[in-house]
Amino acid sequence: MDDLIRTKILTFLQWNDKNEYYNDELYDLEEVQKLSLEESIKYFLQ
């Protein structure tokens, strides 16, 4: 279930961000650590 929620959040963020930085492939290419669901929620509630 967490994967489905994460995918939905990423889809929205990619749609909302003209640079589409919220994309797993870009994170992998740049060797950036991915946020967990909890970290993502915490980030957006700040």
Protein backbone atom coordinates (compact mmCIF):
# COMPACT_ATOMS: atom_id res chain seq x y z
CA MET A 1 0.00 0.00 0.00
CA ASP A 2 2.83 2.42 0.77
CA ASP A 3 4.19 1.94 -2.76
CA LEU A 4 0.83 2.91 -4.25
CA ILE A 5 0.59 6.03 -2.08
CA ARG A 6 4.21 6.95 -2.88
CA THR A 7 3.54 6.52 -6.60
CA LYS A 8 0.47 8.77 -6.39
CA ILE A 9 2.41 11.44 -4.51
CA LEU A 10 5.28 11.28 -7.01
CA THR A 11 2.87 11.48 -9.93
CA PHE A 12 1.29 14.61 -8.48
CA LEU A 13 4.66 16.20 -7.72
CA GLN A 14 5.96 15.50 -11.23
CA TRP A 15 2.81 17.01 -12.69
CA ASN A 16 3.10 20.04 -10.39
CA ASP A 17 6.85 20.60 -10.97
CA LYS A 18 7.84 21.79 -14.43
CA ASN A 19 11.32 20.31 -13.93
CA GLU A 20 9.88 16.91 -12.94
CA TYR A 21 12.57 16.50 -10.34
CA TYR A 22 10.38 14.17 -8.29
CA ASN A 23 11.30 11.24 -10.46
CA ASP A 24 13.01 8.06 -9.23
CA GLU A 25 15.20 7.83 -12.32
CA LEU A 26 16.64 11.30 -11.71
CA TYR A 27 17.28 10.49 -8.07
CA ASP A 28 19.09 7.31 -9.10
CA LEU A 29 21.19 9.12 -11.71
CA GLU A 30 22.20 11.82 -9.26
CA GLU A 31 22.62 9.33 -6.40
CA VAL A 32 20.23 11.26 -4.18
CA GLN A 33 18.68 9.40 -1.26
CA LYS A 34 14.94 8.96 -1.72
CA LEU A 35 12.58 10.25 0.92
CA SER A 36 10.38 7.82 2.76
CA LEU A 37 6.64 8.42 2.89
CA GLU A 38 6.95 9.75 6.43
CA GLU A 39 9.80 12.09 5.47
CA SER A 40 7.83 13.36 2.48
CA ILE A 41 4.76 14.12 4.57
CA LYS A 42 6.87 15.84 7.22
CA TYR A 43 8.58 17.93 4.52
CA PHE A 44 5.31 19.16 3.03
CA LEU A 45 3.74 19.92 6.39
CA GLN A 46 6.51 22.33 7.36
